[in-house]
Amino acid sequence: LGGSGVVIWRECRNNVVAGCEFVHTGDTPVCL
């Protein structure tokens, strides 16, 4: 990826990121 993988951005609650692989992301793999 050129940018990030998963971004949970503003006012988000009770979400799940599980069992994933992040490789060669350009920016942050996971950001809250």
Full PDB file with SEQRES, HELIX, SHEET, SSBOND, CRYST1, ORIGX, SCALE, CONECT and MASTER records, all heavy atoms in Angstrom:
SEQRES   1 A   32  LEU GLY GLY SER GLY VAL VAL ILE TRP ARG GLU CYS ARG          
SEQRES   2 A   32  ASN ASN VAL VAL ALA GLY CYS GLU PHE VAL HIS THR GLY          
SEQRES   3 A   32  ASP THR PRO VAL CYS LEU                                      
SHEET    1 AA1 2 VAL A   6  VAL A   7  0                                        
SHEET    2 AA1 2 VAL A  30  CYS A  31  1                                        
CRYST1    1.000    1.000    1.000  90.00  90.00  90.00 P 1           1          
ORIGX1      1.000000  0.000000  0.000000        0.00000                         
ORIGX2      0.000000  1.000000  0.000000        0.00000                         
ORIGX3      0.000000  0.000000  1.000000        0.00000                         
SCALE1      1.000000  0.000000  0.000000        0.00000                         
SCALE2      0.000000  1.000000  0.000000        0.00000                         
SCALE3      0.000000  0.000000  1.000000        0.00000                         
ATOM      1  N   LEU A   1       0.832  -1.194   0.000  1.00  0.00           N  
ATOM      2  CA  LEU A   1       0.000   0.000   0.000  1.00  0.00           C  
ATOM      3  C   LEU A   1       0.871   1.249   0.000  1.00  0.00           C  
ATOM      4  O   LEU A   1       1.940   1.267   0.606  1.00  0.00           O  
ATOM      5  CB  LEU A   1      -0.903   0.019   1.228  1.00  0.00           C  
ATOM      6  CG  LEU A   1      -1.850  -1.175   1.402  1.00  0.00           C  
ATOM      7  CD1 LEU A   1      -2.525  -1.116   2.764  1.00  0.00           C  
ATOM      8  CD2 LEU A   1      -2.894  -1.191   0.291  1.00  0.00           C  
ATOM      9  N   GLY A   2       0.370   2.323  -0.620  1.00  0.00           N  
ATOM     10  CA  GLY A   2       1.076   3.588  -0.532  1.00  0.00           C  
ATOM     11  C   GLY A   2       0.861   4.271   0.804  1.00  0.00           C  
ATOM     12  O   GLY A   2       1.742   4.972   1.303  1.00  0.00           O  
ATOM     13  N   GLY A   3      -0.320   4.062   1.389  1.00  0.00           N  
ATOM     14  CA  GLY A   3      -0.654   4.690   2.661  1.00  0.00           C  
ATOM     15  C   GLY A   3      -0.837   3.678   3.768  1.00  0.00           C  
ATOM     16  O   GLY A   3      -0.129   2.681   3.847  1.00  0.00           O  
ATOM     17  N   SER A   4      -1.836   3.936   4.629  1.00  0.00           N  
ATOM     18  CA  SER A   4      -2.060   3.096   5.798  1.00  0.00           C  
ATOM     19  C   SER A   4      -2.962   1.914   5.471  1.00  0.00           C  
ATOM     20  O   SER A   4      -3.624   1.871   4.426  1.00  0.00           O  
ATOM     21  CB  SER A   4      -2.691   3.940   6.915  1.00  0.00           C  
ATOM     22  OG  SER A   4      -1.819   4.973   7.319  1.00  0.00           O  
ATOM     23  N   GLY A   5      -3.005   0.961   6.411  1.00  0.00           N  
ATOM     24  CA  GLY A   5      -3.863  -0.204   6.245  1.00  0.00           C  
ATOM     25  C   GLY A   5      -5.274   0.066   6.725  1.00  0.00           C  
ATOM     26  O   GLY A   5      -6.191   0.256   5.923  1.00  0.00           O  
ATOM     27  N   VAL A   6      -5.470   0.099   8.056  1.00  0.00           N  
ATOM     28  CA  VAL A   6      -6.779   0.370   8.655  1.00  0.00           C  
ATOM     29  C   VAL A   6      -6.655   1.600   9.537  1.00  0.00           C  
ATOM     30  O   VAL A   6      -5.789   1.661  10.416  1.00  0.00           O  
ATOM     31  CB  VAL A   6      -7.272  -0.816   9.494  1.00  0.00           C  
ATOM     32  CG1 VAL A   6      -8.582  -0.455  10.209  1.00  0.00           C  
ATOM     33  CG2 VAL A   6      -7.471  -2.056   8.618  1.00  0.00           C  
ATOM     34  N   VAL A   7      -7.527   2.573   9.316  1.00  0.00           N  
ATOM     35  CA  VAL A   7      -7.601   3.763  10.164  1.00  0.00           C  
ATOM     36  C   VAL A   7      -9.004   3.838  10.758  1.00  0.00           C  
ATOM     37  O   VAL A   7      -9.999   3.845  10.022  1.00  0.00           O  
ATOM     38  CB  VAL A   7      -7.285   5.049   9.376  1.00  0.00           C  
ATOM     39  CG1 VAL A   7      -7.537   6.272  10.250  1.00  0.00           C  
ATOM     40  CG2 VAL A   7      -5.835   5.025   8.900  1.00  0.00           C  
ATOM     41  N   ILE A   8      -9.063   3.870  12.078  1.00  0.00           N  
ATOM     42  CA  ILE A   8     -10.335   4.014  12.796  1.00  0.00           C  
ATOM     43  C   ILE A   8     -10.349   5.444  13.305  1.00  0.00           C  
ATOM     44  O   ILE A   8      -9.733   5.773  14.310  1.00  0.00           O  
ATOM     45  CB  ILE A   8     -10.443   2.964  13.913  1.00  0.00           C  
ATOM     46  CG1 ILE A   8     -10.371   1.561  13.294  1.00  0.00           C  
ATOM     47  CG2 ILE A   8     -11.726   3.139  14.702  1.00  0.00           C  
ATOM     48  CD1 ILE A   8     -10.381   0.420  14.302  1.00  0.00           C  
ATOM     49  N   TRP A   9     -11.077   6.305  12.577  1.00  0.00           N  
ATOM     50  CA  TRP A   9     -10.879   7.759  12.639  1.00  0.00           C  
ATOM     51  C   TRP A   9     -12.114   8.464  13.172  1.00  0.00           C  
ATOM     52  O   TRP A   9     -13.173   8.456  12.541  1.00  0.00           O  
ATOM     53  CB  TRP A   9     -10.560   8.254  11.226  1.00  0.00           C  
ATOM     54  CG  TRP A   9     -10.144   9.676  11.102  1.00  0.00           C  
ATOM     55  CD1 TRP A   9      -8.905  10.204  11.317  1.00  0.00           C  
ATOM     56  CD2 TRP A   9     -10.974  10.774  10.706  1.00  0.00           C  
ATOM     57  NE1 TRP A   9      -8.907  11.556  11.083  1.00  0.00           N  
ATOM     58  CE2 TRP A   9     -10.166  11.941  10.712  1.00  0.00           C  
ATOM     59  CE3 TRP A   9     -12.316  10.892  10.357  1.00  0.00           C  
ATOM     60  CZ2 TRP A   9     -10.659  13.198  10.368  1.00  0.00           C  
ATOM     61  CZ3 TRP A   9     -12.813  12.150  10.023  1.00  0.00           C  
ATOM     62  CH2 TRP A   9     -11.986  13.280  10.028  1.00  0.00           C  
ATOM     63  N   ARG A  10     -12.027   9.007  14.345  1.00  0.00           N  
ATOM     64  CA  ARG A  10     -13.014   9.881  14.970  1.00  0.00           C  
ATOM     65  C   ARG A  10     -14.334   9.179  15.312  1.00  0.00           C  
ATOM     66  O   ARG A  10     -15.031   8.658  14.458  1.00  0.00           O  
ATOM     67  CB  ARG A  10     -13.296  11.114  14.122  1.00  0.00           C  
ATOM     68  CG  ARG A  10     -12.061  11.954  13.858  1.00  0.00           C  
ATOM     69  CD  ARG A  10     -12.422  13.374  13.486  1.00  0.00           C  
ATOM     70  NE  ARG A  10     -12.978  14.093  14.645  1.00  0.00           N  
ATOM     71  CZ  ARG A  10     -13.376  15.369  14.606  1.00  0.00           C  
ATOM     72  NH1 ARG A  10     -13.303  16.045  13.465  1.00  0.00           N  
ATOM     73  NH2 ARG A  10     -13.848  15.953  15.676  1.00  0.00           N  
ATOM     74  N   GLU A  11     -14.628   9.183  16.572  1.00  0.00           N  
ATOM     75  CA  GLU A  11     -15.942   8.812  17.083  1.00  0.00           C  
ATOM     76  C   GLU A  11     -16.317   7.365  16.798  1.00  0.00           C  
ATOM     77  O   GLU A  11     -17.508   7.027  16.730  1.00  0.00           O  
ATOM     78  CB  GLU A  11     -17.009   9.760  16.520  1.00  0.00           C  
ATOM     79  CG  GLU A  11     -16.701  11.236  16.765  1.00  0.00           C  
ATOM     80  CD  GLU A  11     -17.593  12.166  15.968  1.00  0.00           C  
ATOM     81  OE1 GLU A  11     -18.666  11.726  15.520  1.00  0.00           O  
ATOM     82  OE2 GLU A  11     -17.201  13.338  15.785  1.00  0.00           O  
ATOM     83  N   CYS A  12     -15.350   6.508  16.643  1.00  0.00           N  
ATOM     84  CA  CYS A  12     -15.616   5.102  16.337  1.00  0.00           C  
ATOM     85  C   CYS A  12     -15.385   4.251  17.580  1.00  0.00           C  
ATOM     86  O   CYS A  12     -14.360   4.387  18.253  1.00  0.00           O  
ATOM     87  CB  CYS A  12     -14.716   4.619  15.209  1.00  0.00           C  
ATOM     88  SG  CYS A  12     -15.019   5.456  13.638  1.00  0.00           S  
ATOM     89  N   ARG A  13     -16.313   3.333  17.850  1.00  0.00           N  
ATOM     90  CA  ARG A  13     -16.213   2.530  19.066  1.00  0.00           C  
ATOM     91  C   ARG A  13     -16.535   1.067  18.777  1.00  0.00           C  
ATOM     92  O   ARG A  13     -17.307   0.731  17.874  1.00  0.00           O  
ATOM     93  CB  ARG A  13     -17.169   3.041  20.142  1.00  0.00           C  
ATOM     94  CG  ARG A  13     -16.875   4.472  20.616  1.00  0.00           C  
ATOM     95  CD  ARG A  13     -17.659   4.829  21.863  1.00  0.00           C  
ATOM     96  NE  ARG A  13     -17.194   4.061  23.000  1.00  0.00           N  
ATOM     97  CZ  ARG A  13     -16.202   4.446  23.815  1.00  0.00           C  
ATOM     98  NH1 ARG A  13     -15.571   5.587  23.591  1.00  0.00           N  
ATOM     99  NH2 ARG A  13     -15.846   3.698  24.825  1.00  0.00           N  
ATOM    100  N   ASN A  14     -15.901   0.214  19.587  1.00  0.00           N  
ATOM    101  CA  ASN A  14     -16.240  -1.213  19.643  1.00  0.00           C  
ATOM    102  C   ASN A  14     -16.063  -1.918  18.299  1.00  0.00           C  
ATOM    103  O   ASN A  14     -16.830  -2.813  17.941  1.00  0.00           O  
ATOM    104  CB  ASN A  14     -17.667  -1.413  20.160  1.00  0.00           C  
ATOM    105  CG  ASN A  14     -17.886  -0.740  21.505  1.00  0.00           C  
ATOM    106  OD1 ASN A  14     -16.983  -0.683  22.332  1.00  0.00           O  
ATOM    107  ND2 ASN A  14     -19.079  -0.227  21.712  1.00  0.00           N  
ATOM    108  N   ASN A  15     -15.025  -1.529  17.562  1.00  0.00           N  
ATOM    109  CA  ASN A  15     -14.694  -2.204  16.314  1.00  0.00           C  
ATOM    110  C   ASN A  15     -13.537  -3.176  16.539  1.00  0.00           C  
ATOM    111  O   ASN A  15     -12.776  -3.055  17.504  1.00  0.00           O  
ATOM    112  CB  ASN A  15     -14.326  -1.169  15.250  1.00  0.00           C  
ATOM    113  CG  ASN A  15     -15.468  -0.201  15.001  1.00  0.00           C  
ATOM    114  OD1 ASN A  15     -16.486  -0.567  14.428  1.00  0.00           O  
ATOM    115  ND2 ASN A  15     -15.317   1.032  15.446  1.00  0.00           N  
ATOM    116  N   VAL A  16     -13.400  -4.140  15.633  1.00  0.00           N  
ATOM    117  CA  VAL A  16     -12.409  -5.206  15.800  1.00  0.00           C  
ATOM    118  C   VAL A  16     -11.568  -5.332  14.530  1.00  0.00           C  
ATOM    119  O   VAL A  16     -12.109  -5.346  13.412  1.00  0.00           O  
ATOM    120  CB  VAL A  16     -13.102  -6.561  16.087  1.00  0.00           C  
ATOM    121  CG1 VAL A  16     -12.086  -7.687  16.154  1.00  0.00           C  
ATOM    122  CG2 VAL A  16     -13.902  -6.492  17.388  1.00  0.00           C  
ATOM    123  N   VAL A  17     -10.243  -5.423  14.724  1.00  0.00           N  
ATOM    124  CA  VAL A  17      -9.325  -5.795  13.640  1.00  0.00           C  
ATOM    125  C   VAL A  17      -8.567  -7.008  14.144  1.00  0.00           C  
ATOM    126  O   VAL A  17      -7.782  -6.919  15.104  1.00  0.00           O  
ATOM    127  CB  VAL A  17      -8.351  -4.659  13.288  1.00  0.00           C  
ATOM    128  CG1 VAL A  17      -7.411  -5.096  12.164  1.00  0.00           C  
ATOM    129  CG2 VAL A  17      -9.110  -3.398  12.893  1.00  0.00           C  
ATOM    130  N   ALA A  18      -8.795  -8.177  13.551  1.00  0.00           N  
ATOM    131  CA  ALA A  18      -8.222  -9.408  14.096  1.00  0.00           C  
ATOM    132  C   ALA A  18      -7.874 -10.392  12.984  1.00  0.00           C  
ATOM    133  O   ALA A  18      -8.553 -10.470  11.957  1.00  0.00           O  
ATOM    134  CB  ALA A  18      -9.205 -10.069  15.066  1.00  0.00           C  
ATOM    135  N   GLY A  19      -6.803 -11.127  13.205  1.00  0.00           N  
ATOM    136  CA  GLY A  19      -6.409 -12.187  12.293  1.00  0.00           C  
ATOM    137  C   GLY A  19      -5.916 -11.694  10.952  1.00  0.00           C  
ATOM    138  O   GLY A  19      -5.914 -12.445   9.971  1.00  0.00           O  
ATOM    139  N   CYS A  20      -5.466 -10.448  10.894  1.00  0.00           N  
ATOM    140  CA  CYS A  20      -5.038  -9.856   9.619  1.00  0.00           C  
ATOM    141  C   CYS A  20      -3.521  -9.826   9.499  1.00  0.00           C  
ATOM    142  O   CYS A  20      -2.805  -9.830  10.509  1.00  0.00           O  
ATOM    143  CB  CYS A  20      -5.572  -8.439   9.488  1.00  0.00           C  
ATOM    144  SG  CYS A  20      -7.379  -8.324   9.456  1.00  0.00           S  
ATOM    145  N   GLU A  21      -3.049  -9.768   8.276  1.00  0.00           N  
ATOM    146  CA  GLU A  21      -1.635  -9.549   8.008  1.00  0.00           C  
ATOM    147  C   GLU A  21      -1.475  -8.183   7.360  1.00  0.00           C  
ATOM    148  O   GLU A  21      -2.220  -7.808   6.444  1.00  0.00           O  
ATOM    149  CB  GLU A  21      -1.059 -10.610   7.077  1.00  0.00           C  
ATOM    150  CG  GLU A  21       0.432 -10.392   6.793  1.00  0.00           C  
ATOM    151  CD  GLU A  21       1.011 -11.356   5.783  1.00  0.00           C  
ATOM    152  OE1 GLU A  21       0.231 -12.020   5.061  1.00  0.00           O  
ATOM    153  OE2 GLU A  21       2.253 -11.441   5.690  1.00  0.00           O  
ATOM    154  N   PHE A  22      -0.476  -7.435   7.845  1.00  0.00           N  
ATOM    155  CA  PHE A  22      -0.107  -6.144   7.272  1.00  0.00           C  
ATOM    156  C   PHE A  22       1.356  -6.238   6.871  1.00  0.00           C  
ATOM    157  O   PHE A  22       2.231  -6.447   7.720  1.00  0.00           O  
ATOM    158  CB  PHE A  22      -0.310  -5.027   8.292  1.00  0.00           C  
ATOM    159  CG  PHE A  22      -1.736  -4.843   8.730  1.00  0.00           C  
ATOM    160  CD1 PHE A  22      -2.276  -5.628   9.739  1.00  0.00           C  
ATOM    161  CD2 PHE A  22      -2.544  -3.882   8.129  1.00  0.00           C  
ATOM    162  CE1 PHE A  22      -3.589  -5.465  10.156  1.00  0.00           C  
ATOM    163  CE2 PHE A  22      -3.862  -3.709   8.530  1.00  0.00           C  
ATOM    164  CZ  PHE A  22      -4.388  -4.505   9.544  1.00  0.00           C  
ATOM    165  N   VAL A  23       1.644  -6.070   5.583  1.00  0.00           N  
ATOM    166  CA  VAL A  23       3.010  -6.173   5.098  1.00  0.00           C  
ATOM    167  C   VAL A  23       3.211  -5.150   3.983  1.00  0.00           C  
ATOM    168  O   VAL A  23       2.357  -4.981   3.111  1.00  0.00           O  
ATOM    169  CB  VAL A  23       3.328  -7.609   4.618  1.00  0.00           C  
ATOM    170  CG1 VAL A  23       2.359  -8.079   3.537  1.00  0.00           C  
ATOM    171  CG2 VAL A  23       4.778  -7.721   4.138  1.00  0.00           C  
ATOM    172  N   HIS A  24       4.325  -4.435   4.029  1.00  0.00           N  
ATOM    173  CA  HIS A  24       4.658  -3.426   3.020  1.00  0.00           C  
ATOM    174  C   HIS A  24       3.580  -2.353   2.901  1.00  0.00           C  
ATOM    175  O   HIS A  24       3.275  -1.899   1.779  1.00  0.00           O  
ATOM    176  CB  HIS A  24       4.904  -4.077   1.655  1.00  0.00           C  
ATOM    177  CG  HIS A  24       6.036  -5.056   1.655  1.00  0.00           C  
ATOM    178  ND1 HIS A  24       6.089  -6.136   0.801  1.00  0.00           N  
ATOM    179  CD2 HIS A  24       7.142  -5.152   2.437  1.00  0.00           C  
ATOM    180  CE1 HIS A  24       7.187  -6.840   1.052  1.00  0.00           C  
ATOM    181  NE2 HIS A  24       7.835  -6.252   2.030  1.00  0.00           N  
ATOM    182  N   THR A  25       3.016  -1.940   4.025  1.00  0.00           N  
ATOM    183  CA  THR A  25       2.161  -0.755   3.984  1.00  0.00           C  
ATOM    184  C   THR A  25       3.072   0.466   3.983  1.00  0.00           C  
ATOM    185  O   THR A  25       4.077   0.506   4.690  1.00  0.00           O  
ATOM    186  CB  THR A  25       1.198  -0.696   5.176  1.00  0.00           C  
ATOM    187  OG1 THR A  25       1.937  -0.551   6.390  1.00  0.00           O  
ATOM    188  CG2 THR A  25       0.336  -1.944   5.248  1.00  0.00           C  
ATOM    189  N   GLY A  26       2.698   1.477   3.213  1.00  0.00           N  
ATOM    190  CA  GLY A  26       3.544   2.656   3.112  1.00  0.00           C  
ATOM    191  C   GLY A  26       3.554   3.488   4.376  1.00  0.00           C  
ATOM    192  O   GLY A  26       4.566   4.087   4.735  1.00  0.00           O  
ATOM    193  N   ASP A  27       2.403   3.533   5.057  1.00  0.00           N  
ATOM    194  CA  ASP A  27       2.274   4.316   6.281  1.00  0.00           C  
ATOM    195  C   ASP A  27       1.888   3.360   7.419  1.00  0.00           C  
ATOM    196  O   ASP A  27       2.257   2.189   7.406  1.00  0.00           O  
ATOM    197  CB  ASP A  27       1.240   5.430   6.085  1.00  0.00           C  
ATOM    198  CG  ASP A  27       1.469   6.644   6.988  1.00  0.00           C  
ATOM    199  OD1 ASP A  27       1.609   6.448   8.203  1.00  0.00           O  
ATOM    200  OD2 ASP A  27       1.493   7.774   6.480  1.00  0.00           O  
ATOM    201  N   THR A  28       1.127   3.835   8.380  1.00  0.00           N  
ATOM    202  CA  THR A  28       0.824   3.078   9.585  1.00  0.00           C  
ATOM    203  C   THR A  28      -0.095   1.886   9.287  1.00  0.00           C  
ATOM    204  O   THR A  28      -1.168   2.068   8.699  1.00  0.00           O  
ATOM    205  CB  THR A  28       0.136   3.998  10.611  1.00  0.00           C  
ATOM    206  OG1 THR A  28       0.929   5.176  10.764  1.00  0.00           O  
ATOM    207  CG2 THR A  28      -0.020   3.306  11.947  1.00  0.00           C  
ATOM    208  N   PRO A  29       0.265   0.688   9.702  1.00  0.00           N  
ATOM    209  CA  PRO A  29      -0.616  -0.452   9.463  1.00  0.00           C  
ATOM    210  C   PRO A  29      -1.996  -0.296  10.105  1.00  0.00           C  
ATOM    211  O   PRO A  29      -3.016  -0.480   9.449  1.00  0.00           O  
ATOM    212  CB  PRO A  29       0.157  -1.624  10.072  1.00  0.00           C  
ATOM    213  CG  PRO A  29       1.589  -1.203   9.968  1.00  0.00           C  
ATOM    214  CD  PRO A  29       1.587   0.274  10.204  1.00  0.00           C  
ATOM    215  N   VAL A  30      -2.036   0.049  11.415  1.00  0.00           N  
ATOM    216  CA  VAL A  30      -3.316   0.226  12.120  1.00  0.00           C  
ATOM    217  C   VAL A  30      -3.229   1.501  12.946  1.00  0.00           C  
ATOM    218  O   VAL A  30      -2.310   1.664  13.760  1.00  0.00           O  
ATOM    219  CB  VAL A  30      -3.646  -0.965  13.041  1.00  0.00           C  
ATOM    220  CG1 VAL A  30      -5.007  -0.740  13.702  1.00  0.00           C  
ATOM    221  CG2 VAL A  30      -3.641  -2.276  12.270  1.00  0.00           C  
ATOM    222  N   CYS A  31      -4.205   2.392  12.775  1.00  0.00           N  
ATOM    223  CA  CYS A  31      -4.213   3.659  13.514  1.00  0.00           C  
ATOM    224  C   CYS A  31      -5.599   3.915  14.082  1.00  0.00           C  
ATOM    225  O   CYS A  31      -6.594   3.859  13.352  1.00  0.00           O  
ATOM    226  CB  CYS A  31      -3.800   4.809  12.600  1.00  0.00           C  
ATOM    227  SG  CYS A  31      -3.821   6.430  13.427  1.00  0.00           S  
ATOM    228  N   LEU A  32      -5.668   4.197  15.387  1.00  0.00           N  
ATOM    229  CA  LEU A  32      -6.894   4.643  16.049  1.00  0.00           C  
ATOM    230  C   LEU A  32      -6.692   6.109  16.388  1.00  0.00           C  
ATOM    231  O   LEU A  32      -5.754   6.451  17.108  1.00  0.00           O  
ATOM    232  CB  LEU A  32      -7.152   3.842  17.320  1.00  0.00           C  
ATOM    233  CG  LEU A  32      -7.007   2.319  17.238  1.00  0.00           C  
ATOM    234  CD1 LEU A  32      -7.284   1.689  18.584  1.00  0.00           C  
ATOM    235  CD2 LEU A  32      -7.924   1.748  16.178  1.00  0.00           C  
TER     236      LEU A  32                                                      
MASTER        0    0    0    0    2    0    0    6  235    1    0    3          
END                                                                             
